[in-house]
N, C-alpha and C. Protein backbone atom coordinates (compact mmCIF):
# COMPACT_ATOMS: atom_id res chain seq x y z
N MET A 1 -17.83 -11.12 -5.21
CA MET A 1 -17.93 -9.88 -4.40
C MET A 1 -17.32 -10.12 -3.05
N VAL A 2 -16.48 -9.21 -2.59
CA VAL A 2 -15.81 -9.29 -1.31
C VAL A 2 -16.03 -7.99 -0.57
N ALA A 3 -16.40 -8.07 0.71
CA ALA A 3 -16.57 -6.88 1.52
C ALA A 3 -15.52 -6.85 2.63
N LEU A 4 -14.78 -5.82 2.73
CA LEU A 4 -13.82 -5.60 3.82
C LEU A 4 -14.40 -4.56 4.76
N ILE A 5 -14.73 -4.99 5.98
CA ILE A 5 -15.35 -4.09 6.94
C ILE A 5 -14.45 -3.93 8.15
N PRO A 6 -13.94 -2.71 8.38
CA PRO A 6 -13.03 -2.53 9.52
C PRO A 6 -13.79 -2.61 10.83
N GLN A 7 -13.08 -2.92 11.91
CA GLN A 7 -13.63 -2.90 13.24
C GLN A 7 -13.71 -1.46 13.73
N ALA A 8 -14.24 -1.28 14.93
CA ALA A 8 -14.44 0.08 15.42
C ALA A 8 -13.14 0.85 15.54
N ASP A 9 -12.02 0.15 15.81
CA ASP A 9 -10.73 0.87 15.95
C ASP A 9 -10.00 1.03 14.59
N GLY A 10 -10.64 0.68 13.50
CA GLY A 10 -10.06 0.81 12.18
C GLY A 10 -9.22 -0.32 11.72
N SER A 11 -9.04 -1.35 12.60
CA SER A 11 -8.29 -2.54 12.20
C SER A 11 -9.25 -3.52 11.49
N PHE A 12 -8.61 -4.56 10.97
CA PHE A 12 -9.39 -5.58 10.22
C PHE A 12 -9.17 -6.93 10.90
N ASP A 13 -10.26 -7.65 11.06
CA ASP A 13 -10.19 -8.97 11.74
C ASP A 13 -9.67 -10.02 10.79
N ILE A 14 -9.56 -11.27 11.28
CA ILE A 14 -8.96 -12.36 10.50
C ILE A 14 -9.72 -12.62 9.20
N SER A 15 -11.04 -12.56 9.26
CA SER A 15 -11.82 -12.87 8.08
C SER A 15 -11.62 -11.78 7.01
N ALA A 16 -11.52 -10.53 7.42
CA ALA A 16 -11.26 -9.44 6.49
C ALA A 16 -9.88 -9.54 5.89
N ALA A 17 -8.93 -9.99 6.72
CA ALA A 17 -7.56 -10.17 6.24
C ALA A 17 -7.51 -11.23 5.16
N ALA A 18 -8.27 -12.29 5.36
CA ALA A 18 -8.33 -13.38 4.34
C ALA A 18 -8.91 -12.87 3.04
N LEU A 19 -9.95 -12.02 3.15
CA LEU A 19 -10.53 -11.44 1.93
C LEU A 19 -9.52 -10.52 1.25
N ALA A 20 -8.77 -9.79 2.03
CA ALA A 20 -7.78 -8.87 1.46
C ALA A 20 -6.72 -9.67 0.71
N GLU A 21 -6.36 -10.81 1.24
CA GLU A 21 -5.39 -11.69 0.57
C GLU A 21 -5.88 -12.11 -0.80
N GLN A 22 -7.17 -12.42 -0.90
CA GLN A 22 -7.73 -12.78 -2.20
C GLN A 22 -7.75 -11.61 -3.17
N ALA A 23 -8.13 -10.46 -2.62
CA ALA A 23 -8.28 -9.26 -3.49
C ALA A 23 -6.92 -8.72 -3.96
N PHE A 24 -5.85 -8.97 -3.20
CA PHE A 24 -4.53 -8.53 -3.56
C PHE A 24 -3.75 -9.57 -4.33
N ALA A 25 -4.41 -10.58 -4.80
CA ALA A 25 -3.76 -11.68 -5.50
C ALA A 25 -2.90 -11.21 -6.67
N TYR A 26 -1.88 -11.99 -6.96
CA TYR A 26 -0.98 -11.69 -8.06
C TYR A 26 -1.78 -11.82 -9.37
N ARG A 27 -1.83 -10.76 -10.13
CA ARG A 27 -2.68 -10.76 -11.33
C ARG A 27 -2.26 -11.71 -12.40
N ASP A 28 -0.94 -12.05 -12.45
CA ASP A 28 -0.48 -12.95 -13.52
C ASP A 28 -0.97 -14.37 -13.36
N ASP A 29 -1.04 -14.89 -12.13
CA ASP A 29 -1.43 -16.25 -11.96
C ASP A 29 -2.42 -16.49 -10.82
N GLY A 30 -2.84 -15.46 -10.17
CA GLY A 30 -3.83 -15.60 -9.10
C GLY A 30 -3.32 -16.08 -7.75
N THR A 31 -1.99 -16.24 -7.61
CA THR A 31 -1.46 -16.70 -6.33
C THR A 31 -1.65 -15.59 -5.27
N THR A 32 -1.72 -16.02 -4.02
CA THR A 32 -1.97 -15.11 -2.93
C THR A 32 -0.93 -15.22 -1.84
N HIS A 33 -0.95 -14.28 -0.94
CA HIS A 33 -0.05 -14.25 0.21
C HIS A 33 -0.71 -13.41 1.26
N PRO A 34 -0.55 -13.76 2.54
CA PRO A 34 -1.14 -12.93 3.61
C PRO A 34 -0.62 -11.47 3.49
N ILE A 35 -1.55 -10.53 3.67
CA ILE A 35 -1.23 -9.12 3.54
C ILE A 35 -1.03 -8.55 4.95
N HIS A 36 0.03 -7.79 5.13
CA HIS A 36 0.34 -7.27 6.47
C HIS A 36 -0.80 -6.38 6.93
N PRO A 37 -1.28 -6.57 8.17
CA PRO A 37 -2.47 -5.79 8.60
C PRO A 37 -2.25 -4.28 8.57
N ARG A 38 -1.05 -3.82 8.88
CA ARG A 38 -0.85 -2.38 8.90
C ARG A 38 -0.94 -1.78 7.48
N LEU A 39 -0.54 -2.52 6.48
CA LEU A 39 -0.63 -2.07 5.12
C LEU A 39 -2.12 -1.83 4.73
N ILE A 40 -2.95 -2.78 5.12
CA ILE A 40 -4.38 -2.65 4.81
C ILE A 40 -4.95 -1.40 5.54
N GLU A 41 -4.58 -1.24 6.80
CA GLU A 41 -5.10 -0.12 7.59
C GLU A 41 -4.64 1.22 6.99
N LEU A 42 -3.38 1.30 6.58
CA LEU A 42 -2.87 2.55 6.05
C LEU A 42 -3.59 2.96 4.75
N VAL A 43 -3.84 1.99 3.88
CA VAL A 43 -4.52 2.28 2.66
C VAL A 43 -5.96 2.72 2.90
N TYR A 44 -6.60 2.03 3.84
CA TYR A 44 -7.99 2.40 4.21
C TYR A 44 -8.03 3.80 4.78
N ARG A 45 -7.07 4.16 5.69
CA ARG A 45 -7.06 5.46 6.28
C ARG A 45 -6.81 6.54 5.24
N ALA A 46 -5.96 6.26 4.27
CA ALA A 46 -5.71 7.21 3.22
C ALA A 46 -6.98 7.49 2.40
N ALA A 47 -7.69 6.43 2.08
CA ALA A 47 -8.95 6.57 1.33
C ALA A 47 -9.98 7.38 2.08
N ARG A 48 -10.06 7.12 3.39
CA ARG A 48 -11.00 7.86 4.21
C ARG A 48 -10.57 9.31 4.34
N HIS A 49 -9.25 9.57 4.51
CA HIS A 49 -8.75 10.92 4.66
C HIS A 49 -9.13 11.77 3.46
N PHE A 50 -8.92 11.26 2.26
CA PHE A 50 -9.24 11.99 1.03
C PHE A 50 -10.66 11.83 0.54
N ARG A 51 -11.45 11.06 1.31
CA ARG A 51 -12.84 10.80 0.90
C ARG A 51 -12.93 10.23 -0.49
N SER A 52 -12.00 9.34 -0.82
CA SER A 52 -11.98 8.78 -2.13
C SER A 52 -13.09 7.78 -2.31
N PRO A 53 -13.73 7.75 -3.46
CA PRO A 53 -14.79 6.78 -3.69
C PRO A 53 -14.26 5.36 -3.82
N TYR A 54 -13.00 5.18 -4.15
CA TYR A 54 -12.37 3.86 -4.23
C TYR A 54 -10.86 4.03 -4.30
N VAL A 55 -10.21 2.91 -4.11
CA VAL A 55 -8.75 2.86 -4.26
C VAL A 55 -8.42 1.97 -5.47
N HIS A 56 -7.65 2.50 -6.36
CA HIS A 56 -7.25 1.77 -7.54
C HIS A 56 -5.93 1.05 -7.27
N VAL A 57 -5.97 -0.27 -7.09
CA VAL A 57 -4.77 -1.05 -6.79
C VAL A 57 -4.11 -1.47 -8.07
N VAL A 58 -2.92 -0.92 -8.30
CA VAL A 58 -2.14 -1.24 -9.48
C VAL A 58 -1.47 -2.62 -9.32
N SER A 59 -0.88 -2.84 -8.16
CA SER A 59 -0.22 -4.10 -7.86
C SER A 59 -0.17 -4.29 -6.36
N GLY A 60 -0.61 -5.49 -5.94
CA GLY A 60 -0.50 -5.86 -4.55
C GLY A 60 0.57 -6.87 -4.37
N TYR A 61 0.16 -8.16 -4.12
CA TYR A 61 1.14 -9.23 -3.99
C TYR A 61 1.72 -9.56 -5.38
N ARG A 62 3.04 -9.71 -5.42
CA ARG A 62 3.72 -10.18 -6.64
C ARG A 62 4.63 -11.30 -6.31
N ASN A 63 4.54 -12.36 -7.05
CA ASN A 63 5.34 -13.52 -6.81
C ASN A 63 6.71 -13.33 -7.51
N GLY A 64 7.61 -12.60 -6.84
CA GLY A 64 8.88 -12.29 -7.42
C GLY A 64 10.01 -12.62 -6.47
N ARG A 65 11.09 -11.81 -6.52
CA ARG A 65 12.21 -12.03 -5.64
C ARG A 65 11.79 -11.95 -4.18
N PRO A 66 12.29 -12.82 -3.31
CA PRO A 66 11.85 -12.91 -1.93
C PRO A 66 12.14 -11.63 -1.12
N THR A 67 13.13 -10.85 -1.53
CA THR A 67 13.40 -9.61 -0.79
C THR A 67 12.45 -8.49 -1.12
N SER A 68 11.66 -8.66 -2.16
CA SER A 68 10.67 -7.64 -2.50
C SER A 68 9.51 -7.66 -1.49
N ARG A 69 9.17 -6.48 -1.01
CA ARG A 69 8.08 -6.41 -0.04
C ARG A 69 6.75 -6.74 -0.70
N HIS A 70 6.66 -6.61 -2.00
CA HIS A 70 5.46 -7.11 -2.69
C HIS A 70 5.34 -8.61 -2.50
N ALA A 71 6.43 -9.33 -2.59
CA ALA A 71 6.42 -10.78 -2.41
C ALA A 71 6.15 -11.18 -0.99
N GLN A 72 6.29 -10.25 -0.04
CA GLN A 72 6.07 -10.51 1.38
C GLN A 72 4.70 -10.08 1.85
N GLY A 73 3.90 -9.56 0.93
CA GLY A 73 2.56 -9.06 1.33
C GLY A 73 2.65 -7.77 2.12
N ARG A 74 3.72 -6.98 1.91
CA ARG A 74 3.95 -5.79 2.70
C ARG A 74 3.96 -4.54 1.84
N ALA A 75 3.59 -4.61 0.57
CA ALA A 75 3.69 -3.48 -0.31
C ALA A 75 2.51 -3.41 -1.28
N LEU A 76 2.24 -2.20 -1.71
CA LEU A 76 1.09 -1.97 -2.61
C LEU A 76 1.42 -0.78 -3.49
N ASP A 77 1.09 -0.86 -4.78
CA ASP A 77 1.16 0.26 -5.70
C ASP A 77 -0.29 0.65 -5.98
N PHE A 78 -0.63 1.91 -5.75
CA PHE A 78 -2.05 2.29 -5.88
C PHE A 78 -2.22 3.75 -6.23
N VAL A 79 -3.48 4.07 -6.55
CA VAL A 79 -3.90 5.42 -6.94
C VAL A 79 -5.22 5.71 -6.26
N LEU A 80 -5.35 6.93 -5.78
CA LEU A 80 -6.66 7.40 -5.29
C LEU A 80 -7.21 8.37 -6.32
N PRO A 81 -8.40 8.11 -6.86
CA PRO A 81 -8.99 8.99 -7.89
C PRO A 81 -9.17 10.39 -7.34
N GLY A 82 -8.79 11.37 -8.15
CA GLY A 82 -8.94 12.76 -7.78
C GLY A 82 -7.85 13.25 -6.85
N VAL A 83 -6.93 12.42 -6.47
CA VAL A 83 -5.84 12.82 -5.54
C VAL A 83 -4.50 12.65 -6.30
N THR A 84 -3.75 13.71 -6.37
CA THR A 84 -2.47 13.63 -7.05
C THR A 84 -1.49 12.71 -6.29
N ASP A 85 -0.58 12.16 -7.00
CA ASP A 85 0.41 11.30 -6.35
C ASP A 85 1.19 12.09 -5.29
N ARG A 86 1.44 13.36 -5.57
CA ARG A 86 2.18 14.16 -4.60
C ARG A 86 1.42 14.31 -3.32
N ARG A 87 0.13 14.59 -3.39
CA ARG A 87 -0.69 14.72 -2.18
C ARG A 87 -0.79 13.41 -1.42
N LEU A 88 -0.97 12.34 -2.14
CA LEU A 88 -1.11 11.04 -1.48
C LEU A 88 0.20 10.69 -0.76
N ALA A 89 1.33 10.86 -1.43
CA ALA A 89 2.60 10.59 -0.81
C ALA A 89 2.86 11.45 0.42
N SER A 90 2.46 12.69 0.32
CA SER A 90 2.62 13.64 1.45
C SER A 90 1.83 13.19 2.66
N TYR A 91 0.69 12.58 2.45
CA TYR A 91 -0.11 12.05 3.53
C TYR A 91 0.52 10.80 4.13
N LEU A 92 1.07 9.93 3.29
CA LEU A 92 1.57 8.66 3.73
C LEU A 92 2.88 8.77 4.50
N ARG A 93 3.79 9.63 4.08
CA ARG A 93 5.11 9.68 4.73
C ARG A 93 5.08 9.89 6.21
N PRO A 94 4.27 10.81 6.77
CA PRO A 94 4.29 11.01 8.19
C PRO A 94 3.70 9.87 9.03
N GLN A 95 3.15 8.83 8.38
CA GLN A 95 2.61 7.72 9.15
C GLN A 95 3.71 6.95 9.90
N GLY A 96 4.89 7.05 9.41
CA GLY A 96 6.05 6.42 10.11
C GLY A 96 6.26 4.98 9.74
N PHE A 97 7.54 4.58 9.66
CA PHE A 97 7.92 3.18 9.38
C PHE A 97 7.28 2.71 8.06
N VAL A 98 7.41 3.55 7.03
CA VAL A 98 6.85 3.21 5.72
C VAL A 98 7.89 3.50 4.63
N GLY A 99 7.75 2.83 3.51
CA GLY A 99 8.43 3.16 2.31
C GLY A 99 7.44 3.79 1.39
N VAL A 100 7.73 4.96 0.88
CA VAL A 100 6.83 5.66 0.01
C VAL A 100 7.58 6.07 -1.26
N GLY A 101 7.18 5.51 -2.39
CA GLY A 101 7.80 5.83 -3.65
C GLY A 101 6.81 6.45 -4.60
N VAL A 102 7.21 7.52 -5.26
CA VAL A 102 6.35 8.18 -6.24
C VAL A 102 6.84 7.86 -7.62
N TYR A 103 5.91 7.43 -8.50
CA TYR A 103 6.27 7.04 -9.86
C TYR A 103 5.47 7.95 -10.81
N PRO A 104 5.94 9.17 -11.04
CA PRO A 104 5.14 10.14 -11.82
C PRO A 104 4.87 9.74 -13.25
N THR A 105 5.77 9.01 -13.90
CA THR A 105 5.56 8.63 -15.29
C THR A 105 4.51 7.51 -15.37
N SER A 106 4.62 6.51 -14.47
CA SER A 106 3.64 5.43 -14.46
C SER A 106 2.35 5.85 -13.80
N GLY A 107 2.41 6.85 -12.92
CA GLY A 107 1.21 7.40 -12.35
C GLY A 107 0.64 6.66 -11.14
N PHE A 108 1.54 6.21 -10.22
CA PHE A 108 1.04 5.62 -8.98
C PHE A 108 2.01 5.86 -7.86
N VAL A 109 1.54 5.56 -6.66
CA VAL A 109 2.38 5.67 -5.45
C VAL A 109 2.60 4.27 -4.88
N HIS A 110 3.81 4.02 -4.52
CA HIS A 110 4.16 2.71 -3.84
C HIS A 110 4.11 2.97 -2.34
N LEU A 111 3.52 2.07 -1.58
CA LEU A 111 3.51 2.12 -0.13
C LEU A 111 3.94 0.77 0.40
N ASP A 112 4.86 0.74 1.36
CA ASP A 112 5.13 -0.47 2.04
C ASP A 112 5.38 -0.22 3.53
N VAL A 113 5.32 -1.27 4.32
CA VAL A 113 5.59 -1.13 5.78
C VAL A 113 6.95 -1.75 6.02
N ARG A 114 7.75 -1.09 6.90
CA ARG A 114 9.13 -1.52 7.12
C ARG A 114 9.61 -1.05 8.45
N GLY A 115 10.89 -1.29 8.76
CA GLY A 115 11.45 -0.96 10.07
C GLY A 115 11.99 0.45 10.14
N ARG A 116 12.20 1.07 9.02
CA ARG A 116 12.73 2.45 9.01
C ARG A 116 12.24 3.12 7.70
N SER A 117 11.69 4.32 7.81
CA SER A 117 11.13 5.00 6.63
C SER A 117 12.16 5.33 5.60
N TYR A 118 11.74 5.27 4.34
CA TYR A 118 12.59 5.60 3.23
C TYR A 118 11.66 6.09 2.13
N PHE A 119 12.05 7.26 1.52
CA PHE A 119 11.18 7.90 0.48
C PHE A 119 12.03 8.04 -0.79
N TRP A 120 11.32 7.85 -1.91
CA TRP A 120 12.03 7.97 -3.19
C TRP A 120 11.04 8.40 -4.31
N SER A 121 11.66 8.81 -5.40
CA SER A 121 10.92 9.13 -6.62
C SER A 121 11.58 8.36 -7.76
N ASP A 122 10.78 7.88 -8.68
CA ASP A 122 11.30 7.08 -9.81
C ASP A 122 10.56 7.49 -11.06
N ALA A 123 11.25 8.13 -11.98
CA ALA A 123 10.66 8.63 -13.22
C ALA A 123 10.57 7.61 -14.31
N SER A 124 11.01 6.39 -14.05
CA SER A 124 10.95 5.36 -15.11
C SER A 124 9.50 5.03 -15.49
N GLY A 125 9.34 4.61 -16.69
CA GLY A 125 8.04 4.20 -17.14
C GLY A 125 7.90 2.68 -17.23
N PRO A 126 6.76 2.18 -17.64
CA PRO A 126 6.57 0.74 -17.81
C PRO A 126 7.67 0.10 -18.65
N SER A 127 8.18 -1.02 -18.14
CA SER A 127 9.20 -1.85 -18.85
C SER A 127 10.53 -1.15 -18.96
N GLN A 128 10.73 -0.06 -18.27
CA GLN A 128 12.00 0.65 -18.27
C GLN A 128 12.80 0.32 -17.00
N SER A 129 14.12 0.49 -17.05
CA SER A 129 14.94 0.30 -15.87
C SER A 129 14.60 1.33 -14.84
N ASN A 130 14.77 0.96 -13.55
CA ASN A 130 14.46 1.89 -12.48
C ASN A 130 15.39 3.08 -12.54
N ARG A 131 14.80 4.27 -12.19
CA ARG A 131 15.54 5.51 -12.11
C ARG A 131 15.29 6.13 -10.72
N GLU A 132 15.35 5.30 -9.72
CA GLU A 132 15.01 5.70 -8.35
C GLU A 132 16.03 6.64 -7.75
N ARG A 133 15.55 7.66 -7.05
CA ARG A 133 16.45 8.53 -6.28
C ARG A 133 15.81 8.84 -4.93
N GLN A 134 16.59 8.78 -3.91
CA GLN A 134 16.05 9.05 -2.60
C GLN A 134 15.72 10.53 -2.46
N ILE A 135 14.62 10.83 -1.75
CA ILE A 135 14.20 12.19 -1.52
C ILE A 135 13.89 12.33 -0.02
N MET A 136 13.91 13.57 0.46
CA MET A 136 13.50 13.88 1.85
C MET A 136 14.20 13.01 2.84
N ARG A 137 15.49 12.87 2.68
CA ARG A 137 16.34 11.98 3.48
C ARG A 137 16.20 12.23 4.99
N THR A 138 16.09 13.48 5.40
CA THR A 138 16.05 13.80 6.84
C THR A 138 14.68 13.62 7.47
N LEU A 139 13.66 13.55 6.62
CA LEU A 139 12.30 13.48 7.18
C LEU A 139 11.94 12.09 7.67
N GLY A 140 12.52 11.06 7.05
CA GLY A 140 12.19 9.67 7.47
C GLY A 140 12.44 9.44 8.96
N PRO A 141 13.64 9.67 9.45
CA PRO A 141 13.90 9.46 10.87
C PRO A 141 12.99 10.34 11.77
N ARG A 142 12.73 11.55 11.34
CA ARG A 142 11.85 12.43 12.14
C ARG A 142 10.42 11.88 12.21
N PHE A 143 9.89 11.44 11.09
CA PHE A 143 8.55 10.88 11.11
C PHE A 143 8.51 9.58 11.95
N ASP A 144 9.58 8.79 11.86
CA ASP A 144 9.61 7.54 12.65
C ASP A 144 9.63 7.82 14.15
N ARG A 145 10.38 8.85 14.58
CA ARG A 145 10.41 9.20 16.01
C ARG A 145 9.04 9.64 16.49
N ILE A 146 8.36 10.44 15.69
CA ILE A 146 7.01 10.92 16.06
C ILE A 146 6.05 9.73 16.10
N ALA A 147 6.14 8.85 15.09
CA ALA A 147 5.24 7.70 15.06
C ALA A 147 5.46 6.77 16.27
N ARG A 148 6.71 6.57 16.60
CA ARG A 148 7.03 5.70 17.75
C ARG A 148 6.45 6.31 19.05
N ALA A 149 6.58 7.64 19.16
CA ALA A 149 6.01 8.28 20.38
C ALA A 149 4.50 8.17 20.45
N LEU A 150 3.90 8.00 19.28
CA LEU A 150 2.43 7.83 19.24
C LEU A 150 2.00 6.36 19.34
N GLY A 151 2.98 5.50 19.51
CA GLY A 151 2.68 4.07 19.70
C GLY A 151 2.72 3.20 18.50
N VAL A 152 3.23 3.76 17.39
CA VAL A 152 3.37 2.91 16.17
C VAL A 152 4.56 2.03 16.28
N THR A 153 4.38 0.78 15.95
CA THR A 153 5.45 -0.23 16.05
C THR A 153 6.08 -0.43 14.69
N PRO A 154 7.43 -0.38 14.57
CA PRO A 154 8.08 -0.66 13.27
C PRO A 154 7.76 -2.10 12.84
N THR A 155 7.75 -2.30 11.52
CA THR A 155 7.58 -3.64 10.96
C THR A 155 8.96 -4.22 10.74
N PRO A 156 9.35 -5.23 11.51
CA PRO A 156 10.72 -5.76 11.39
C PRO A 156 10.92 -6.46 10.03
N ASN A 157 12.17 -6.52 9.65
CA ASN A 157 12.54 -7.20 8.41
C ASN A 157 12.23 -8.69 8.54
N VAL A 158 11.97 -9.35 7.43
CA VAL A 158 11.88 -10.80 7.42
C VAL A 158 13.27 -11.36 7.17
N SER A 159 13.45 -12.60 7.41
CA SER A 159 14.78 -13.20 7.35
C SER A 159 15.46 -13.12 5.99
N THR A 160 14.65 -13.07 4.92
CA THR A 160 15.20 -13.06 3.59
C THR A 160 15.60 -11.68 3.15
N GLU A 161 15.27 -10.66 3.98
CA GLU A 161 15.51 -9.27 3.61
C GLU A 161 16.87 -8.79 4.05
N PRO A 162 17.65 -8.13 3.23
CA PRO A 162 18.98 -7.66 3.63
C PRO A 162 18.87 -6.61 4.70
N GLU A 163 20.01 -6.35 5.38
CA GLU A 163 20.05 -5.38 6.48
C GLU A 163 19.73 -4.00 5.99
N GLN A 164 20.12 -3.68 4.77
CA GLN A 164 19.89 -2.33 4.23
C GLN A 164 18.40 -2.08 4.08
N GLU A 165 17.87 -1.06 4.79
CA GLU A 165 16.46 -0.76 4.70
C GLU A 165 16.07 -0.06 3.43
N GLU A 166 17.01 0.66 2.87
CA GLU A 166 16.68 1.52 1.74
C GLU A 166 16.58 0.70 0.44
N GLU A 167 15.68 -0.26 0.45
CA GLU A 167 15.47 -1.09 -0.70
C GLU A 167 14.13 -0.70 -1.33
N THR A 168 14.14 -0.32 -2.58
CA THR A 168 12.90 0.05 -3.25
C THR A 168 12.44 -1.12 -4.06
N GLU A 169 11.38 -0.88 -4.78
CA GLU A 169 10.75 -1.98 -5.51
C GLU A 169 10.85 -1.76 -7.02
N GLU A 170 10.79 -2.86 -7.75
CA GLU A 170 10.90 -2.76 -9.18
C GLU A 170 9.66 -2.13 -9.79
N THR A 171 9.84 -1.42 -10.88
CA THR A 171 8.73 -0.80 -11.56
C THR A 171 7.94 -1.87 -12.28
N ILE A 172 6.62 -1.72 -12.33
CA ILE A 172 5.82 -2.66 -13.04
C ILE A 172 5.08 -1.95 -14.17
N GLN A 173 4.54 -2.68 -15.07
CA GLN A 173 3.73 -2.11 -16.16
C GLN A 173 2.29 -1.91 -15.68
N VAL A 174 1.76 -0.74 -15.88
CA VAL A 174 0.40 -0.44 -15.50
C VAL A 174 -0.51 -0.77 -16.66
N ASP A 175 -1.56 -1.56 -16.34
CA ASP A 175 -2.53 -1.89 -17.38
C ASP A 175 -3.91 -1.88 -16.80
N GLU A 176 -4.88 -2.29 -17.58
CA GLU A 176 -6.26 -2.20 -17.15
C GLU A 176 -6.62 -3.42 -16.30
N GLY A 177 -7.74 -3.28 -15.57
CA GLY A 177 -8.32 -4.38 -14.85
C GLY A 177 -7.71 -4.58 -13.44
N GLU A 178 -7.13 -3.53 -12.86
CA GLU A 178 -6.59 -3.68 -11.51
C GLU A 178 -7.71 -3.61 -10.48
N THR A 179 -7.36 -3.94 -9.24
CA THR A 179 -8.28 -3.97 -8.17
C THR A 179 -8.75 -2.56 -7.73
N THR A 180 -9.99 -2.47 -7.29
CA THR A 180 -10.45 -1.20 -6.73
C THR A 180 -10.98 -1.47 -5.33
N ILE A 181 -10.81 -0.51 -4.45
CA ILE A 181 -11.36 -0.56 -3.09
C ILE A 181 -12.23 0.67 -2.91
N GLU A 182 -13.43 0.44 -2.42
CA GLU A 182 -14.37 1.58 -2.20
C GLU A 182 -14.69 1.67 -0.72
N PRO A 183 -14.19 2.70 -0.02
CA PRO A 183 -14.58 2.89 1.37
C PRO A 183 -15.91 3.54 1.51
N VAL A 184 -16.56 3.31 2.66
CA VAL A 184 -17.84 3.94 2.97
C VAL A 184 -17.60 4.81 4.18
N ASP A 185 -18.22 6.00 4.22
CA ASP A 185 -18.04 6.92 5.36
C ASP A 185 -18.42 6.27 6.65
N ALA A 186 -17.77 6.71 7.74
CA ALA A 186 -18.07 6.21 9.07
C ALA A 186 -19.56 6.39 9.39
N GLY A 187 -20.13 5.32 9.93
CA GLY A 187 -21.54 5.39 10.29
C GLY A 187 -22.45 5.10 9.12
N GLY A 188 -21.89 4.94 7.96
CA GLY A 188 -22.73 4.71 6.78
C GLY A 188 -23.06 3.21 6.66
N SER A 189 -23.98 2.92 5.80
CA SER A 189 -24.35 1.51 5.65
C SER A 189 -23.27 0.81 4.83
N VAL A 190 -23.24 -0.48 5.01
CA VAL A 190 -22.25 -1.28 4.28
C VAL A 190 -22.86 -1.73 2.98
N ASP A 191 -22.28 -1.30 1.91
CA ASP A 191 -22.74 -1.69 0.58
C ASP A 191 -21.47 -1.96 -0.21
N ALA A 192 -20.93 -3.15 -0.02
CA ALA A 192 -19.57 -3.37 -0.54
C ALA A 192 -19.43 -4.70 -1.20
N GLY A 193 -18.47 -4.79 -2.09
CA GLY A 193 -18.17 -6.07 -2.70
C GLY A 193 -17.04 -5.95 -3.67
N VAL A 194 -16.58 -7.10 -4.19
CA VAL A 194 -15.51 -7.09 -5.14
C VAL A 194 -16.05 -7.11 -6.56
N ASP A 195 -15.41 -6.35 -7.40
CA ASP A 195 -15.82 -6.34 -8.82
C ASP A 195 -14.54 -6.67 -9.63
N ALA A 196 -14.57 -7.75 -10.32
CA ALA A 196 -13.43 -8.17 -11.17
C ALA A 196 -12.15 -8.23 -10.32
N GLY A 197 -12.23 -8.89 -9.19
CA GLY A 197 -11.06 -9.06 -8.36
C GLY A 197 -10.75 -7.89 -7.43
N GLY A 198 -11.57 -6.89 -7.40
CA GLY A 198 -11.34 -5.71 -6.55
C GLY A 198 -12.05 -5.81 -5.24
N ILE A 199 -11.78 -4.89 -4.40
CA ILE A 199 -12.40 -4.81 -3.07
C ILE A 199 -13.24 -3.55 -2.99
N ARG A 200 -14.36 -3.69 -2.44
CA ARG A 200 -15.07 -2.51 -1.94
C ARG A 200 -15.21 -2.74 -0.47
N GLU A 201 -15.04 -1.70 0.34
CA GLU A 201 -15.05 -1.94 1.74
C GLU A 201 -15.88 -0.85 2.44
N GLY A 202 -16.54 -1.23 3.51
CA GLY A 202 -17.31 -0.26 4.26
C GLY A 202 -17.06 -0.45 5.75
N ASP A 203 -17.62 0.45 6.56
CA ASP A 203 -17.44 0.28 8.01
C ASP A 203 -18.75 0.49 8.74
């Protein structure tokens, strides 16, 4: 059982970050990687915004190609129960400096943190070649300008990442047994823990 409890400002301290690293472990072999703090915060805020009972994590860290943000601990594929992918993506895009991909066939939303926003849709299914197409091209720069004015800092590229920001992520196969995160309403008691590698979190 793992409890992730945000601080008063909604951020997560070092101990919570370490727990997130364990909970977002690569499902194939259990390897872990530090998870970017802003990614954790954005997912938590989305869950709170939609009052979701939990977050279904399809894929967190993946030990793959070094240019993949999944391999950098900067990306997450997830689902909020009772929230359509379209609504979830619409909430995430204005956060600024994010990559948001919608996978309607596989049924999840990809979220990553980056230096410049990029949005896409990919109708490919499990084990199929990517069919990614960019969407809402003009909205990314607009959302980034607004986010910067509000004090949001872009997440710079890592050295292994190419200059081109518009890099999406490979499709993965969705199966059973993924991580879940359960937020607790503000001011509520903390009753949280991990179940089968998942996170439940309270504040």
